[in-house]
C-alpha atoms as a PDB file:
ATOM      1  CA  MET A   1      -0.013  -0.108  -0.049  1.00  0.00           C
ATOM      2  CA  SER A   2       1.290   3.379  -0.982  1.00  0.00           C
ATOM      3  CA  SER A   3      -0.207   6.586  -0.379  1.00  0.00           C
ATOM      4  CA  ARG A   4       2.381   8.866  -2.058  1.00  0.00           C
ATOM      5  CA  LYS A   5       0.420   9.401  -5.194  1.00  0.00           C
ATOM      6  CA  THR A   6      -2.816   9.807  -2.878  1.00  0.00           C
ATOM      7  CA  ILE A   7      -1.970  12.824  -0.748  1.00  0.00           C
ATOM      8  CA  ARG A   8      -1.374  16.392  -1.790  1.00  0.00           C
ATOM      9  CA  VAL A   9       0.209  18.784   0.409  1.00  0.00           C
ATOM     10  CA  TYR A  10      -0.066  22.599  -0.487  1.00  0.00           C
ATOM     11  CA  GLU A  11      -0.244  25.853   0.847  1.00  0.00           C
ATOM     12  CA  ARG A  12      -3.200  28.149   0.576  1.00  0.00           C
ATOM     13  CA  LYS A  13      -2.692  32.111  -0.333  1.00  0.00           C
ATOM     14  CA  ASP A  14      -5.519  33.148   1.855  1.00  0.00           C
ATOM     15  CA  ARG A  15      -4.018  31.396   5.066  1.00  0.00           C
ATOM     16  CA  ARG A  16      -0.363  30.375   6.847  1.00  0.00           C
ATOM     17  CA  GLY A  17       0.775  26.931   7.002  1.00  0.00           C
ATOM     18  CA  TRP A  18       0.448  23.758   5.222  1.00  0.00           C
ATOM     19  CA  TYR A  19      -2.640  21.877   4.117  1.00  0.00           C
ATOM     20  CA  TYR A  20      -3.123  18.280   2.890  1.00  0.00           C
ATOM     21  CA  SER A  21      -5.709  16.357   0.999  1.00  0.00           C
ATOM     22  CA  PHE A  22      -6.278  12.513  -0.231  1.00  0.00           C
ATOM     23  CA  THR A  23      -8.935  10.155  -0.778  1.00  0.00           C
ATOM     24  CA  ALA A  24      -9.606   8.092   2.039  1.00  0.00           C
ATOM     25  CA  PRO A  25      -9.897   4.282   1.590  1.00  0.00           C
ATOM     26  CA  ASN A  26     -13.391   4.526   1.791  1.00  0.00           C
ATOM     27  CA  GLY A  27     -13.762   7.081  -1.345  1.00  0.00           C
ATOM     28  CA  GLN A  28     -14.097  10.282   1.333  1.00  0.00           C
ATOM     29  CA  ARG A  29     -12.199  13.012   0.234  1.00  0.00           C
ATOM     30  CA  ILE A  30     -10.301  14.635   3.272  1.00  0.00           C
ATOM     31  CA  ARG A  31      -8.978  18.050   3.589  1.00  0.00           C
ATOM     32  CA  GLN A  32      -7.458  19.264   6.434  1.00  0.00           C
ATOM     33  CA  ALA A  33      -4.914  21.761   7.991  1.00  0.00           C
ATOM     34  CA  ALA A  34      -1.379  20.400   9.167  1.00  0.00           C
ATOM     35  CA  GLY A  35      -1.108  22.675  11.583  1.00  0.00           C
ATOM     36  CA  THR A  36       2.548  23.503  11.170  1.00  0.00           C
ATOM     37  CA  GLU A  37       4.513  25.971   8.533  1.00  0.00           C
ATOM     38  CA  ASN A  38       7.128  22.973   8.023  1.00  0.00           C
ATOM     39  CA  GLU A  39       6.525  21.301   4.506  1.00  0.00           C
ATOM     40  CA  GLN A  40       8.133  17.926   5.504  1.00  0.00           C
ATOM     41  CA  GLN A  41       6.286  17.875   9.012  1.00  0.00           C
ATOM     42  CA  ALA A  42       2.982  18.080   7.164  1.00  0.00           C
ATOM     43  CA  ARG A  43       3.976  15.234   4.735  1.00  0.00           C
ATOM     44  CA  GLU A  44       4.212  13.262   7.673  1.00  0.00           C
ATOM     45  CA  LEU A  45       1.234  14.187   9.558  1.00  0.00           C
ATOM     46  CA  ALA A  46      -0.918  13.610   6.215  1.00  0.00           C
ATOM     47  CA  ALA A  47       0.776  10.003   5.834  1.00  0.00           C
ATOM     48  CA  LYS A  48      -0.238   9.199   9.430  1.00  0.00           C
ATOM     49  CA  HIS A  49      -3.677  10.485   8.953  1.00  0.00           C
ATOM     50  CA  TYR A  50      -4.095   8.459   5.868  1.00  0.00           C
ATOM     51  CA  TYR A  51      -2.517   5.111   7.709  1.00  0.00           C
ATOM     52  CA  GLU A  52      -5.106   5.667  10.557  1.00  0.00           C
ATOM     53  CA  LEU A  53      -7.934   5.775   8.282  1.00  0.00           C
ATOM     54  CA  PHE A  54      -6.510   2.818   6.367  1.00  0.00           C
ATOM     55  CA  ALA A  55      -5.873   0.567   9.440  1.00  0.00           C
ATOM     56  CA  VAL A  56     -10.113   1.856  10.588  1.00  0.00           C
ATOM     57  CA  GLN A  57     -11.361   1.262   7.164  1.00  0.00           C
ATOM     58  CA  LYS A  58      -9.871  -1.284   5.705  1.00  0.00           C
ATOM     59  CA  LEU A  59      -8.125  -3.609   8.637  1.00  0.00           C
ATOM     60  CA  GLY A  60     -10.967  -2.940  10.981  1.00  0.00           C
ATOM     61  CA  TYR A  61      -9.117  -1.347  13.484  1.00  0.00           C
ATOM     62  CA  SER A  62     -10.905   1.212  15.946  1.00  0.00           C
ATOM     63  CA  ARG A  63      -9.178   4.898  16.672  1.00  0.00           C
ATOM     64  CA  GLU A  64     -11.587   6.955  18.814  1.00  0.00           C
ATOM     65  CA  TYR A  65     -10.762  10.446  19.219  1.00  0.00           C
ATOM     66  CA  THR A  66     -11.777  12.756  22.316  1.00  0.00           C
ATOM     67  CA  TRP A  67     -13.349  16.001  22.088  1.00  0.00           C
ATOM     68  CA  ARG A  68     -10.020  17.787  23.180  1.00  0.00           C
ATOM     69  CA  GLU A  69      -8.282  16.160  20.490  1.00  0.00           C
ATOM     70  CA  THR A  70     -10.952  16.880  18.099  1.00  0.00           C
ATOM     71  CA  VAL A  71     -10.934  20.724  19.324  1.00  0.00           C
ATOM     72  CA  VAL A  72      -7.347  20.874  18.915  1.00  0.00           C
ATOM     73  CA  GLU A  73      -7.348  19.846  15.458  1.00  0.00           C
ATOM     74  CA  TRP A  74     -10.463  22.272  14.426  1.00  0.00           C
ATOM     75  CA  LEU A  75      -8.547  25.162  15.882  1.00  0.00           C
ATOM     76  CA  LYS A  76      -5.766  24.461  13.727  1.00  0.00           C
ATOM     77  CA  GLU A  77      -8.225  24.125  10.642  1.00  0.00           C
ATOM     78  CA  ASN A  78      -9.595  27.762  11.857  1.00  0.00           C
ATOM     79  CA  PRO A  79      -6.653  29.562  13.177  1.00  0.00           C
ATOM     80  CA  HIS A  80      -8.882  32.977  13.316  1.00  0.00           C
ATOM     81  CA  LYS A  81     -10.973  31.261  16.006  1.00  0.00           C
ATOM     82  CA  GLN A  82      -8.092  30.941  18.356  1.00  0.00           C
ATOM     83  CA  LYS A  83      -8.321  34.622  19.282  1.00  0.00           C
ATOM     84  CA  ASP A  84     -12.027  34.973  19.146  1.00  0.00           C
ATOM     85  CA  TYR A  85     -13.274  35.730  22.704  1.00  0.00           C
ATOM     86  CA  ASN A  86     -16.817  33.901  22.356  1.00  0.00           C
ATOM     87  CA  THR A  87     -15.131  31.060  21.034  1.00  0.00           C
ATOM     88  CA  LYS A  88     -12.509  30.492  23.629  1.00  0.00           C
ATOM     89  CA  LEU A  89     -15.236  31.109  26.324  1.00  0.00           C
ATOM     90  CA  PHE A  90     -17.443  28.549  24.668  1.00  0.00           C
ATOM     91  CA  LEU A  91     -14.682  25.515  24.385  1.00  0.00           C
ATOM     92  CA  ARG A  92     -13.369  26.305  27.818  1.00  0.00           C
ATOM     93  CA  TRP A  93     -16.739  25.796  29.549  1.00  0.00           C
ATOM     94  CA  LEU A  94     -17.536  22.829  27.215  1.00  0.00           C
ATOM     95  CA  ASP A  95     -14.159  21.192  27.898  1.00  0.00           C
ATOM     96  CA  LYS A  96     -15.506  20.595  31.511  1.00  0.00           C
ATOM     97  CA  TYR A  97     -18.064  18.469  30.431  1.00  0.00           C
ATOM     98  CA  LEU A  98     -16.773  17.092  26.979  1.00  0.00           C
ATOM     99  CA  GLY A  99     -13.074  16.955  27.405  1.00  0.00           C
ATOM    100  CA  ASP A 100     -12.291  13.376  27.946  1.00  0.00           C
ATOM    101  CA  LEU A 101     -15.163  11.864  26.159  1.00  0.00           C
ATOM    102  CA  THR A 102     -14.924  10.489  22.862  1.00  0.00           C
ATOM    103  CA  ILE A 103     -16.606  12.261  19.900  1.00  0.00           C
ATOM    104  CA  ASN A 104     -18.354   9.016  19.238  1.00  0.00           C
ATOM    105  CA  GLN A 105     -19.770   9.215  23.119  1.00  0.00           C
ATOM    106  CA  ILE A 106     -21.520  12.674  22.278  1.00  0.00           C
ATOM    107  CA  ASP A 107     -25.105  11.970  21.695  1.00  0.00           C
ATOM    108  CA  ARG A 108     -28.516  13.473  22.682  1.00  0.00           C
ATOM    109  CA  VAL A 109     -28.102  12.398  26.143  1.00  0.00           C
ATOM    110  CA  VAL A 110     -25.168  14.298  26.403  1.00  0.00           C
ATOM    111  CA  LEU A 111     -26.214  17.105  24.624  1.00  0.00           C
ATOM    112  CA  ARG A 112     -29.364  17.410  26.539  1.00  0.00           C
ATOM    113  CA  THR A 113     -27.173  17.521  29.840  1.00  0.00           C
ATOM    114  CA  ILE A 114     -25.145  20.491  28.501  1.00  0.00           C
ATOM    115  CA  ARG A 115     -28.307  22.452  27.756  1.00  0.00           C
ATOM    116  CA  ASP A 116     -29.849  21.682  31.221  1.00  0.00           C
ATOM    117  CA  ALA A 117     -26.473  22.897  32.718  1.00  0.00           C
ATOM    118  CA  LYS A 118     -26.781  26.400  30.899  1.00  0.00           C
ATOM    119  CA  LEU A 119     -30.290  26.835  31.702  1.00  0.00           C
ATOM    120  CA  ASN A 120     -29.603  26.203  35.110  1.00  0.00           C
ATOM    121  CA  GLU A 121     -27.257  29.110  35.236  1.00  0.00           C
ATOM    122  CA  GLY A 122     -29.763  31.363  34.053  1.00  0.00           C
ATOM    123  CA  ARG A 123     -28.741  31.580  30.260  1.00  0.00           C
ATOM    124  CA  LYS A 124     -31.209  32.453  27.772  1.00  0.00           C
ATOM    125  CA  PRO A 125     -32.150  30.156  24.969  1.00  0.00           C
ATOM    126  CA  ARG A 126     -29.897  32.286  22.495  1.00  0.00           C
ATOM    127  CA  THR A 127     -26.925  31.607  24.516  1.00  0.00           C
ATOM    128  CA  VAL A 128     -27.457  28.123  25.047  1.00  0.00           C
ATOM    129  CA  ASN A 129     -28.099  27.441  21.639  1.00  0.00           C
ATOM    130  CA  ALA A 130     -24.615  29.240  20.813  1.00  0.00           C
ATOM    131  CA  TYR A 131     -22.650  26.431  22.934  1.00  0.00           C
ATOM    132  CA  THR A 132     -24.778  23.752  21.178  1.00  0.00           C
ATOM    133  CA  GLN A 133     -23.858  25.405  17.728  1.00  0.00           C
ATOM    134  CA  GLN A 134     -19.965  25.271  18.725  1.00  0.00           C
ATOM    135  CA  ILE A 135     -20.442  21.615  19.303  1.00  0.00           C
ATOM    136  CA  ARG A 136     -22.046  21.243  15.960  1.00  0.00           C
ATOM    137  CA  MET A 137     -19.201  22.823  14.163  1.00  0.00           C
ATOM    138  CA  VAL A 138     -16.538  20.903  15.853  1.00  0.00           C
ATOM    139  CA  LEU A 139     -18.546  17.523  14.963  1.00  0.00           C
ATOM    140  CA  LEU A 140     -19.256  18.372  11.912  1.00  0.00           C
ATOM    141  CA  ALA A 141     -15.628  19.265  10.993  1.00  0.00           C
ATOM    142  CA  ALA A 142     -14.747  15.650  12.445  1.00  0.00           C
ATOM    143  CA  LYS A 143     -17.444  14.137  10.172  1.00  0.00           C
ATOM    144  CA  GLU A 144     -15.441  15.693   7.216  1.00  0.00           C
ATOM    145  CA  TRP A 145     -12.047  14.333   8.564  1.00  0.00           C
ATOM    146  CA  GLY A 146     -13.579  10.878   8.470  1.00  0.00           C
ATOM    147  CA  TRP A 147     -13.120  10.666  12.439  1.00  0.00           C
ATOM    148  CA  ILE A 148     -16.982   9.844  12.967  1.00  0.00           C
ATOM    149  CA  THR A 149     -19.505   8.865  10.663  1.00  0.00           C
ATOM    150  CA  ASN A 150     -23.046   9.946  12.007  1.00  0.00           C
ATOM    151  CA  LEU A 151     -23.595  13.368  13.920  1.00  0.00           C
ATOM    152  CA  PRO A 152     -26.170  13.173  16.790  1.00  0.00           C
ATOM    153  CA  LYS A 153     -29.290  15.321  16.357  1.00  0.00           C
ATOM    154  CA  PHE A 154     -28.929  18.729  17.431  1.00  0.00           C
ATOM    155  CA  LYS A 155     -32.196  20.192  18.692  1.00  0.00           C
ATOM    156  CA  MET A 156     -32.166  24.163  19.082  1.00  0.00           C
ATOM    157  CA  LEU A 157     -34.348  26.133  21.700  1.00  0.00           C
ATOM    158  CA  GLU A 158     -36.747  28.434  20.498  1.00  0.00           C
ATOM    159  CA  GLU A 159     -35.754  31.977  20.727  1.00  0.00           C
ATOM    160  CA  PRO A 160     -37.971  35.046  21.355  1.00  0.00           C
ATOM    161  CA  LYS A 161     -37.803  37.480  18.531  1.00  0.00           C
ATOM    162  CA  ARG A 162     -35.806  40.090  19.347  1.00  0.00           C
ATOM    163  CA  ARG A 163     -36.263  43.703  18.435  1.00  0.00           C
ATOM    164  CA  GLU A 164     -33.251  45.412  16.554  1.00  0.00           C
ATOM    165  CA  ARG A 165     -31.749  47.617  19.096  1.00  0.00           C
ATOM    166  CA  TRP A 166     -30.107  50.733  18.043  1.00  0.00           C
ATOM    167  CA  LEU A 167     -28.440  53.598  19.774  1.00  0.00           C
ATOM    168  CA  THR A 168     -30.424  57.155  19.503  1.00  0.00           C
ATOM    169  CA  ALA A 169     -28.287  60.234  19.248  1.00  0.00           C
ATOM    170  CA  ASP A 170     -29.115  61.127  22.887  1.00  0.00           C
ATOM    171  CA  GLU A 171     -28.032  57.608  24.052  1.00  0.00           C
ATOM    172  CA  LYS A 172     -24.778  57.923  22.317  1.00  0.00           C
ATOM    173  CA  ASN A 173     -24.140  61.148  23.810  1.00  0.00           C
ATOM    174  CA  ARG A 174     -24.638  60.140  27.264  1.00  0.00           C
ATOM    175  CA  LEU A 175     -22.497  56.693  26.681  1.00  0.00           C
ATOM    176  CA  PHE A 176     -19.256  58.443  25.289  1.00  0.00           C
ATOM    177  CA  LYS A 177     -19.472  60.696  28.099  1.00  0.00           C
ATOM    178  CA  GLU A 178     -19.397  57.649  30.605  1.00  0.00           C
ATOM    179  CA  LEU A 179     -17.188  55.071  28.746  1.00  0.00           C
ATOM    180  CA  PRO A 180     -13.397  54.955  29.796  1.00  0.00           C
ATOM    181  CA  GLU A 181     -10.980  56.880  27.401  1.00  0.00           C
ATOM    182  CA  HIS A 182      -9.639  53.595  25.875  1.00  0.00           C
ATOM    183  CA  LEU A 183     -13.056  52.207  24.856  1.00  0.00           C
ATOM    184  CA  ILE A 184     -14.254  55.512  23.080  1.00  0.00           C
ATOM    185  CA  PRO A 185     -12.292  55.164  20.095  1.00  0.00           C
ATOM    186  CA  ILE A 186     -13.387  51.403  19.436  1.00  0.00           C
ATOM    187  CA  ALA A 187     -16.828  52.294  20.271  1.00  0.00           C
ATOM    188  CA  ALA A 188     -16.603  55.081  17.797  1.00  0.00           C
ATOM    189  CA  PHE A 189     -15.012  52.752  15.191  1.00  0.00           C
ATOM    190  CA  ALA A 190     -17.484  50.355  15.661  1.00  0.00           C
ATOM    191  CA  LEU A 191     -20.720  53.217  14.888  1.00  0.00           C
ATOM    192  CA  ALA A 192     -18.686  54.321  12.026  1.00  0.00           C
ATOM    193  CA  THR A 193     -18.175  50.930   9.919  1.00  0.00           C
ATOM    194  CA  GLY A 194     -20.277  48.525  11.022  1.00  0.00           C
ATOM    195  CA  LEU A 195     -17.824  46.216  11.681  1.00  0.00           C
ATOM    196  CA  ARG A 196     -18.434  43.064  14.309  1.00  0.00           C
ATOM    197  CA  LYS A 197     -16.846  43.378  17.662  1.00  0.00           C
ATOM    198  CA  ALA A 198     -13.999  40.869  16.801  1.00  0.00           C
ATOM    199  CA  ASN A 199     -12.974  42.632  13.664  1.00  0.00           C
ATOM    200  CA  VAL A 200     -12.695  46.001  15.365  1.00  0.00           C
ATOM    201  CA  ALA A 201     -11.047  44.834  18.500  1.00  0.00           C
ATOM    202  CA  GLY A 202      -8.649  42.664  16.337  1.00  0.00           C
ATOM    203  CA  LEU A 203      -8.050  45.477  13.557  1.00  0.00           C
ATOM    204  CA  GLN A 204      -4.223  45.909  12.871  1.00  0.00           C
ATOM    205  CA  TRP A 205      -2.287  48.466  10.914  1.00  0.00           C
ATOM    206  CA  SER A 206      -1.529  46.313   8.324  1.00  0.00           C
ATOM    207  CA  GLN A 207      -5.031  45.995   7.315  1.00  0.00           C
ATOM    208  CA  VAL A 208      -5.389  50.247   6.980  1.00  0.00           C
ATOM    209  CA  ASP A 209      -4.321  51.895   4.052  1.00  0.00           C
ATOM    210  CA  ILE A 210      -4.863  55.795   5.323  1.00  0.00           C
ATOM    211  CA  PRO A 211      -4.098  57.362   1.959  1.00  0.00           C
ATOM    212  CA  ARG A 212      -7.010  55.454   0.130  1.00  0.00           C
ATOM    213  CA  ARG A 213      -9.024  55.835   3.517  1.00  0.00           C
ATOM    214  CA  THR A 214      -9.733  52.007   3.604  1.00  0.00           C
ATOM    215  CA  ALA A 215      -9.524  49.075   5.522  1.00  0.00           C
ATOM    216  CA  TRP A 216     -10.330  45.328   4.772  1.00  0.00           C
ATOM    217  CA  ILE A 217     -11.390  42.459   6.720  1.00  0.00           C
ATOM    218  CA  HIS A 218      -9.098  39.359   5.612  1.00  0.00           C
ATOM    219  CA  VAL A 219     -11.199  36.144   4.383  1.00  0.00           C
ATOM    220  CA  ASP A 220     -10.733  34.318   7.446  1.00  0.00           C
ATOM    221  CA  GLN A 221     -11.653  37.100   9.656  1.00  0.00           C
ATOM    222  CA  ALA A 222     -14.985  37.540   8.350  1.00  0.00           C
ATOM    223  CA  LYS A 223     -18.157  35.696   9.366  1.00  0.00           C
ATOM    224  CA  SER A 224     -19.138  35.175   5.972  1.00  0.00           C
ATOM    225  CA  SER A 225     -15.539  33.558   4.808  1.00  0.00           C
ATOM    226  CA  ARG A 226     -15.433  36.389   2.339  1.00  0.00           C
ATOM    227  CA  ALA A 227     -12.742  39.210   2.731  1.00  0.00           C
ATOM    228  CA  ILE A 228     -14.496  42.704   3.263  1.00  0.00           C
ATOM    229  CA  GLY A 229     -13.125  46.197   2.088  1.00  0.00           C
ATOM    230  CA  VAL A 230     -14.043  48.929   4.356  1.00  0.00           C
ATOM    231  CA  PRO A 231     -14.242  52.601   3.019  1.00  0.00           C
ATOM    232  CA  LEU A 232     -13.631  54.713   5.815  1.00  0.00           C
ATOM    233  CA  ASN A 233     -15.868  57.915   6.310  1.00  0.00           C
ATOM    234  CA  ASP A 234     -14.741  61.112   7.963  1.00  0.00           C
ATOM    235  CA  GLU A 235     -15.378  59.710  11.592  1.00  0.00           C
ATOM    236  CA  ALA A 236     -13.937  56.445  11.223  1.00  0.00           C
ATOM    237  CA  MET A 237     -10.929  58.202   9.678  1.00  0.00           C
ATOM    238  CA  ASN A 238     -10.747  60.329  12.766  1.00  0.00           C
ATOM    239  CA  VAL A 239     -10.587  57.625  14.934  1.00  0.00           C
ATOM    240  CA  ILE A 240      -7.602  55.837  12.904  1.00  0.00           C
ATOM    241  CA  LEU A 241      -5.897  59.043  12.913  1.00  0.00           C
ATOM    242  CA  SER A 242      -5.965  59.537  16.585  1.00  0.00           C
ATOM    243  CA  GLN A 243      -4.738  55.936  17.049  1.00  0.00           C
ATOM    244  CA  ARG A 244      -1.570  56.473  15.025  1.00  0.00           C
ATOM    245  CA  GLY A 245       1.875  56.018  17.271  1.00  0.00           C
ATOM    246  CA  LYS A 246       0.386  54.070  20.016  1.00  0.00           C
ATOM    247  CA  HIS A 247       0.941  50.705  19.202  1.00  0.00           C
ATOM    248  CA  ARG A 248       3.215  49.015  16.418  1.00  0.00           C
ATOM    249  CA  THR A 249       0.614  46.518  15.202  1.00  0.00           C
ATOM    250  CA  ASN A 250      -3.244  46.571  16.711  1.00  0.00           C
ATOM    251  CA  VAL A 251      -4.963  49.881  16.262  1.00  0.00           C
ATOM    252  CA  PHE A 252      -7.024  49.680  19.388  1.00  0.00           C
ATOM    253  CA  THR A 253      -4.689  49.197  22.740  1.00  0.00           C
ATOM    254  CA  TYR A 254      -5.143  49.523  26.297  1.00  0.00           C
ATOM    255  CA  LYS A 255      -2.120  50.542  28.380  1.00  0.00           C
ATOM    256  CA  GLY A 256       0.146  49.157  25.706  1.00  0.00           C
ATOM    257  CA  ASN A 257      -1.834  46.010  25.016  1.00  0.00           C
ATOM    258  CA  PRO A 258      -4.492  44.898  22.528  1.00  0.00           C
ATOM    259  CA  ILE A 259      -8.385  45.454  23.477  1.00  0.00           C
ATOM    260  CA  LYS A 260      -9.404  41.633  23.454  1.00  0.00           C
ATOM    261  CA  ASN A 261     -12.980  42.192  24.596  1.00  0.00           C
ATOM    262  CA  PRO A 262     -14.571  45.799  24.393  1.00  0.00           C
ATOM    263  CA  ALA A 263     -17.395  44.576  25.704  1.00  0.00           C
ATOM    264  CA  GLY A 264     -16.295  43.596  29.082  1.00  0.00           C
ATOM    265  CA  THR A 265     -16.906  44.995  32.789  1.00  0.00           C
ATOM    266  CA  ALA A 266     -15.936  48.594  31.987  1.00  0.00           C
ATOM    267  CA  TRP A 267     -18.639  48.682  28.876  1.00  0.00           C
ATOM    268  CA  ARG A 268     -21.450  47.171  30.951  1.00  0.00           C
ATOM    269  CA  LYS A 269     -20.714  49.952  34.018  1.00  0.00           C
ATOM    270  CA  ALA A 270     -20.783  52.925  31.412  1.00  0.00           C
ATOM    271  CA  LEU A 271     -24.195  51.640  30.061  1.00  0.00           C
ATOM    272  CA  LYS A 272     -25.513  51.313  33.554  1.00  0.00           C
ATOM    273  CA  ARG A 273     -24.206  54.751  34.355  1.00  0.00           C
ATOM    274  CA  ALA A 274     -25.862  56.101  31.135  1.00  0.00           C
ATOM    275  CA  ARG A 275     -29.067  54.554  31.859  1.00  0.00           C
ATOM    276  CA  ILE A 276     -28.899  52.570  28.521  1.00  0.00           C
ATOM    277  CA  THR A 277     -30.624  49.244  28.632  1.00  0.00           C
ATOM    278  CA  ASN A 278     -30.782  46.145  26.653  1.00  0.00           C
ATOM    279  CA  PHE A 279     -27.822  47.369  24.573  1.00  0.00           C
ATOM    280  CA  ARG A 280     -25.258  44.892  23.469  1.00  0.00           C
ATOM    281  CA  PHE A 281     -21.714  46.002  21.611  1.00  0.00           C
ATOM    282  CA  HIS A 282     -22.991  44.297  18.688  1.00  0.00           C
ATOM    283  CA  ASP A 283     -26.001  46.441  18.570  1.00  0.00           C
ATOM    284  CA  CYS A 284     -23.257  49.168  17.270  1.00  0.00           C
ATOM    285  CA  ARG A 285     -23.499  47.115  14.078  1.00  0.00           C
ATOM    286  CA  HIS A 286     -27.509  47.551  14.146  1.00  0.00           C
ATOM    287  CA  THR A 287     -27.117  51.252  14.812  1.00  0.00           C
ATOM    288  CA  TRP A 288     -24.464  51.711  11.921  1.00  0.00           C
ATOM    289  CA  ALA A 289     -27.124  49.828   9.409  1.00  0.00           C
ATOM    290  CA  THR A 290     -30.208  51.629  10.733  1.00  0.00           C
ATOM    291  CA  ASN A 291     -28.600  55.010  10.134  1.00  0.00           C
ATOM    292  CA  HIS A 292     -27.626  53.783   6.326  1.00  0.00           C
ATOM    293  CA  VAL A 293     -31.310  52.882   6.019  1.00  0.00           C
ATOM    294  CA  ILE A 294     -32.775  56.048   7.104  1.00  0.00           C
ATOM    295  CA  GLN A 295     -30.495  57.995   5.044  1.00  0.00           C
ATOM    296  CA  GLY A 296     -31.591  56.119   2.009  1.00  0.00           C
ATOM    297  CA  THR A 297     -28.707  53.409   1.075  1.00  0.00           C
ATOM    298  CA  PRO A 298     -29.819  50.951  -1.143  1.00  0.00           C
ATOM    299  CA  THR A 299     -30.040  47.224   0.075  1.00  0.00           C
ATOM    300  CA  ARG A 300     -27.261  45.658  -2.220  1.00  0.00           C
ATOM    301  CA  PRO A 301     -24.430  48.529  -1.219  1.00  0.00           C
ATOM    302  CA  LEU A 302     -25.430  48.143   2.353  1.00  0.00           C
ATOM    303  CA  GLN A 303     -25.208  44.111   1.982  1.00  0.00           C
ATOM    304  CA  GLU A 304     -21.441  44.891   0.684  1.00  0.00           C
ATOM    305  CA  LEU A 305     -20.537  47.524   3.316  1.00  0.00           C
ATOM    306  CA  GLY A 306     -21.821  45.064   5.680  1.00  0.00           C
ATOM    307  CA  GLY A 307     -20.417  42.019   4.737  1.00  0.00           C
ATOM    308  CA  TRP A 308     -23.387  39.965   4.789  1.00  0.00           C
ATOM    309  CA  SER A 309     -23.657  36.998   2.792  1.00  0.00           C
ATOM    310  CA  SER A 310     -27.349  37.336   1.982  1.00  0.00           C
ATOM    311  CA  GLU A 311     -29.550  39.974   1.115  1.00  0.00           C
ATOM    312  CA  LYS A 312     -32.086  38.622   3.777  1.00  0.00           C
ATOM    313  CA  MET A 313     -29.854  39.606   6.749  1.00  0.00           C
ATOM    314  CA  VAL A 314     -30.501  42.991   5.365  1.00  0.00           C
ATOM    315  CA  GLN A 315     -34.124  43.256   4.768  1.00  0.00           C
ATOM    316  CA  ARG A 316     -34.691  43.137   8.475  1.00  0.00           C
ATOM    317  CA  TYR A 317     -33.824  46.932   8.405  1.00  0.00           C
ATOM    318  CA  ALA A 318     -35.786  47.704   5.108  1.00  0.00           C
ATOM    319  CA  HIS A 319     -39.055  48.896   7.327  1.00  0.00           C
ATOM    320  CA  LEU A 320     -36.893  51.602   8.578  1.00  0.00           C
ATOM    321  CA  ASN A 321     -37.090  53.666   5.079  1.00  0.00           C
ATOM    322  CA  THR A 322     -40.820  54.735   4.197  1.00  0.00           C
ATOM    323  CA  GLU A 323     -39.969  57.368   1.585  1.00  0.00           C
ATOM    324  CA  HIS A 324     -40.981  54.771  -1.326  1.00  0.00           C
ATOM    325  CA  LEU A 325     -44.373  54.666   0.628  1.00  0.00           C
ATOM    326  CA  ARG A 326     -45.184  58.079   1.483  1.00  0.00           C
ATOM    327  CA  ARG A 327     -46.963  58.659  -1.682  1.00  0.00           C
ATOM    328  CA  TYR A 328     -49.539  56.056  -1.017  1.00  0.00           C
ATOM    329  CA  ALA A 329     -50.094  56.823   2.782  1.00  0.00           C
ATOM    330  CA  GLY A 330     -53.119  59.090   1.755  1.00  0.00           C
ATOM    331  CA  ASN A 331     -54.936  56.548  -0.068  1.00  0.00           C
ATOM    332  CA  SER A 332     -56.902  55.461   2.882  1.00  0.00           C
ATOM    333  CA  SER A 333     -57.960  58.818   3.467  1.00  0.00           C
ATOM    334  CA  GLN A 334     -62.084  58.431   3.004  1.00  0.00           C
ATOM    335  CA  PHE A 335     -63.358  60.414   5.699  1.00  0.00           C
ATOM    336  CA  ASP A 336     -62.861  63.774   7.391  1.00  0.00           C
ATOM    337  CA  THR A 337     -60.446  63.156  10.203  1.00  0.00           C
ATOM    338  CA  SER A 338     -59.686  66.715  11.197  1.00  0.00           C
ATOM    339  CA  LEU A 339     -59.291  67.455  14.812  1.00  0.00           C
ATOM    340  CA  THR A 340     -61.638  70.815  14.686  1.00  0.00           C
ATOM    341  CA  PRO A 341     -64.443  70.250  16.483  1.00  0.00           C
ATOM    342  CA  ALA A 342     -67.878  70.061  15.010  1.00  0.00           C
ATOM    343  CA  GLN A 343     -69.739  73.380  14.864  1.00  0.00           C
ATOM    344  CA  THR A 344     -73.014  73.198  16.852  1.00  0.00           C
ATOM    345  CA  GLN A 345     -76.130  74.195  14.967  1.00  0.00           C
END
């Protein structure tokens, strides 16, 4: 048996490190990050993976992978997730329940135990579903690698429909008066560009072209898995220029270190002092989109500016622009609705 002709080791233009692909003995196509920048190591890891699958699929040997092993491999495959605050939070918590289990042991009973544990912490359905979705993403990758053959059934909790929340001008002024100095630029940039929290917090100078008034989000940083070009308006440019010289690599920092989570304790305390409720950092993005729609930005350009993968995500803001309906609003006027009191005879 030889895998030399079967295995392909290659580099990708949009990501660092080596990758490999091969057709497993059962005919399944395997594509995976090697987790190394050394070509020879990548070839050795690919060959090891191939022979492990050969032993299982042709010789009947059994190789079980633990959740922890699978997570390590998944993070190699998705390096941008290694620095994502929520991903680290989810995986750290899940490791307590799943770490030593094999991925074949994760069934409906285990998933229900995790769901109930989060609910008992007082978490809302939206949060519980986020943890379930994290498990699903990791196990989907494991299936693609040939580590498991079947997935458990994932049952999501019903989430109450949430109103889109945006910041009014008065709320924005109150918030900025209460924010600590190091969070004002990052909040202002989020409101000016509509970028997601992780993209704003992780923005580096290598992603900013000041003369062209442009920033960009790399494909491995974007939720839609597509690179995003970000034209910088006057407000965004003022923020960028104010941050020059503070750090060699990162745009937004505090005491010389990159800001990892702008929505932490300081953010929440500022909201409380400003008497602003039901507002998350992500709602800066909703505020940005809302302002665009009210000012008449068409759906397609807004979709591109926001980096949304589908028009459906933009349509939730469409009801805010009523100018195209104004000429029809009077069609229902069949009666005298004057507020002037009727004259007595």
